[in-house]
Amino acid sequence: MDNKIIKTTQLIKEVLDKSYLMSLATIDDGGVWVSDVIYVFDDELNIYWMSDPEARHSQAILKNNKVSGTITTSGPKEQNMGIQFSGVAEKIDGPRFDLAKKHYLKRNKPEPKEAEDVLQGDSWYMLKPKFIQLTYEKLFGFDKQDLEL
């Protein structure tokens, strides 16, 4: 892997680590729909979240798994920093305590216990990005850095 790809990947992980809210775009018979979800991620840049399986975005993923989204860490007086991405999403099975622990930590909640019903009727979903575009104004101005996966 060349140095530019390594640096871009590190900066994307920094954005993923600093933020907690993802705007997720799906499409269904009613058109395009955007939902905000609290997410966690893994080393391969896959993004995970819990949602009600009956929610519009969850139902849309079952019919059309192509999704896109944004994550931004910038504030009004900060330099722009965030990612835009597209990929495929899927519902995954099981309580996934590994993900639940990360999710609870991100939300400043105490770590769940194995016997606890962490999903409470929700399901886990995973987004596997195919393309990520990084905005990191401090280093690159408004020149976006692309990462194909």
Protein backbone atom coordinates (compact mmCIF):
# COMPACT_ATOMS: atom_id res chain seq x y z
CA MET A 1 0.00 0.00 0.00
CA ASP A 2 1.44 3.39 -0.89
CA ASN A 3 1.95 6.16 1.66
CA LYS A 4 -0.91 8.32 0.33
CA ILE A 5 -3.43 5.49 0.80
CA ILE A 6 -2.06 4.74 4.29
CA LYS A 7 -2.28 8.43 5.30
CA THR A 8 -5.80 8.82 3.85
CA THR A 9 -6.94 5.66 5.68
CA GLN A 10 -5.48 6.95 8.98
CA LEU A 11 -7.26 10.29 8.58
CA ILE A 12 -10.56 8.55 7.75
CA LYS A 13 -10.20 6.50 10.95
CA GLU A 14 -9.57 9.75 12.84
CA VAL A 15 -12.87 11.18 11.52
CA LEU A 16 -14.70 7.93 12.37
CA ASP A 17 -13.20 7.96 15.86
CA LYS A 18 -13.98 11.62 16.62
CA SER A 19 -17.63 11.55 15.62
CA TYR A 20 -20.56 9.35 16.60
CA LEU A 21 -23.41 10.29 14.24
CA MET A 22 -23.74 9.17 10.64
CA SER A 23 -26.27 10.50 8.15
CA LEU A 24 -27.30 7.42 6.18
CA ALA A 25 -29.04 7.72 2.79
CA THR A 26 -31.21 4.88 1.50
CA ILE A 27 -33.71 4.60 -1.32
CA ASP A 28 -37.10 2.89 -1.44
CA ASP A 29 -40.36 3.16 -3.37
CA GLY A 30 -40.96 6.53 -1.71
CA GLY A 31 -37.63 7.94 -2.91
CA VAL A 32 -34.42 8.91 -1.15
CA TRP A 33 -34.45 8.92 2.67
CA VAL A 34 -31.80 10.11 5.14
CA SER A 35 -31.57 8.91 8.75
CA ASP A 36 -29.09 9.77 11.47
CA VAL A 37 -27.70 6.78 13.36
CA ILE A 38 -25.07 6.32 16.05
CA TYR A 39 -22.31 4.12 14.65
CA VAL A 40 -19.15 2.20 15.48
CA PHE A 41 -16.53 0.93 13.04
CA ASP A 42 -13.84 -1.70 12.60
CA ASP A 43 -10.28 -1.67 11.23
CA GLU A 44 -11.53 -2.45 7.71
CA LEU A 45 -13.62 0.78 7.80
CA ASN A 46 -16.90 -1.16 7.98
CA ILE A 47 -19.55 0.85 9.84
CA TYR A 48 -22.12 -0.71 12.19
CA TRP A 49 -25.29 0.62 13.83
CA MET A 50 -28.39 -0.63 15.66
CA SER A 51 -31.82 0.20 14.27
CA ASP A 52 -35.41 -0.90 14.49
CA PRO A 53 -35.94 -3.45 11.69
CA GLU A 54 -39.26 -1.74 10.90
CA ALA A 55 -37.68 1.72 10.44
CA ARG A 56 -37.87 3.08 6.91
CA HIS A 57 -34.11 2.95 6.35
CA SER A 58 -33.93 -0.64 7.65
CA GLN A 59 -36.72 -1.76 5.33
CA ALA A 60 -35.10 0.06 2.40
CA ILE A 61 -31.81 -1.79 2.92
CA LEU A 62 -33.63 -5.12 2.56
CA LYS A 63 -34.92 -4.05 -0.87
CA ASN A 64 -31.91 -2.08 -2.13
CA ASN A 65 -28.64 -2.46 -0.26
CA LYS A 66 -26.86 0.42 -2.01
CA VAL A 67 -26.41 3.27 0.47
CA SER A 68 -24.39 6.42 0.97
CA GLY A 69 -23.70 8.72 3.87
CA THR A 70 -21.71 11.42 5.57
CA ILE A 71 -19.91 11.84 8.87
CA THR A 72 -18.71 15.29 9.89
CA THR A 73 -16.67 16.36 12.91
CA SER A 74 -16.53 20.06 12.06
CA GLY A 75 -18.16 22.78 14.10
CA PRO A 76 -18.99 26.38 13.22
CA LYS A 77 -15.53 27.73 14.13
CA GLU A 78 -13.50 24.66 13.11
CA GLN A 79 -11.88 23.72 9.85
CA ASN A 80 -13.90 21.26 7.76
CA MET A 81 -13.23 17.60 8.49
CA GLY A 82 -15.44 14.71 7.43
CA ILE A 83 -16.14 11.90 5.02
CA GLN A 84 -18.70 11.09 2.35
CA PHE A 85 -19.06 7.49 1.23
CA SER A 86 -21.03 4.95 -0.75
CA GLY A 87 -21.26 1.21 -0.37
CA VAL A 88 -23.56 -1.66 0.46
CA ALA A 89 -25.40 -2.36 3.70
CA GLU A 90 -26.86 -5.48 5.23
CA LYS A 91 -28.66 -6.64 8.32
CA ILE A 92 -26.48 -8.90 10.47
CA ASP A 93 -27.68 -11.45 13.02
CA GLY A 94 -27.04 -11.85 16.72
CA PRO A 95 -26.47 -9.58 19.70
CA ARG A 96 -22.82 -8.93 18.71
CA PHE A 97 -21.54 -8.00 22.18
CA ASP A 98 -18.25 -6.89 20.62
CA LEU A 99 -20.15 -4.18 18.75
CA ALA A 100 -22.49 -3.47 21.67
CA LYS A 101 -19.54 -2.72 23.96
CA LYS A 102 -18.12 -0.21 21.46
CA HIS A 103 -21.58 1.28 20.88
CA TYR A 104 -22.27 1.72 24.61
CA LEU A 105 -18.81 3.26 25.13
CA LYS A 106 -19.43 5.75 22.31
CA ARG A 107 -22.71 6.76 23.99
CA ASN A 108 -21.04 7.02 27.45
CA LYS A 109 -23.13 4.13 28.82
CA PRO A 110 -21.82 1.40 31.15
CA GLU A 111 -20.55 -1.72 29.36
CA PRO A 112 -23.35 -4.23 28.74
CA LYS A 113 -23.33 -7.68 30.31
CA GLU A 114 -23.46 -10.82 28.13
CA ALA A 115 -26.89 -11.78 29.51
CA GLU A 116 -28.32 -8.31 28.83
CA ASP A 117 -30.66 -7.78 25.89
CA VAL A 118 -28.55 -5.15 24.15
CA LEU A 119 -30.70 -5.00 21.03
CA GLN A 120 -34.08 -4.51 22.76
CA GLY A 121 -35.88 -5.34 19.52
CA ASP A 122 -33.35 -3.60 17.26
CA SER A 123 -30.99 -5.31 14.82
CA TRP A 124 -27.39 -4.68 13.81
CA TYR A 125 -26.59 -3.39 10.34
CA MET A 126 -23.25 -3.15 8.58
CA LEU A 127 -22.17 -0.78 5.84
CA LYS A 128 -19.23 -1.94 3.73
CA PRO A 129 -17.87 1.17 1.99
CA LYS A 130 -16.76 0.89 -1.63
CA PHE A 131 -15.70 4.54 -1.97
CA ILE A 132 -14.79 7.16 0.66
CA GLN A 133 -14.05 10.82 0.03
CA LEU A 134 -12.19 12.65 2.81
CA THR A 135 -12.36 16.37 3.50
CA TYR A 136 -9.57 17.51 5.82
CA GLU A 137 -9.23 21.27 5.37
CA LYS A 138 -6.28 21.69 7.76
CA LEU A 139 -4.05 19.45 5.61
CA PHE A 140 -5.54 19.62 2.11
CA GLY A 141 -7.69 22.74 1.95
CA PHE A 142 -10.76 21.86 -0.10
CA ASP A 143 -8.97 19.22 -2.19
CA LYS A 144 -10.81 16.00 -1.36
CA GLN A 145 -8.86 12.76 -0.89
CA ASP A 146 -10.45 9.66 -2.48
CA LEU A 147 -10.16 6.08 -1.27
CA GLU A 148 -11.47 3.18 -3.38
CA LEU A 149 -12.05 -0.02 -1.42
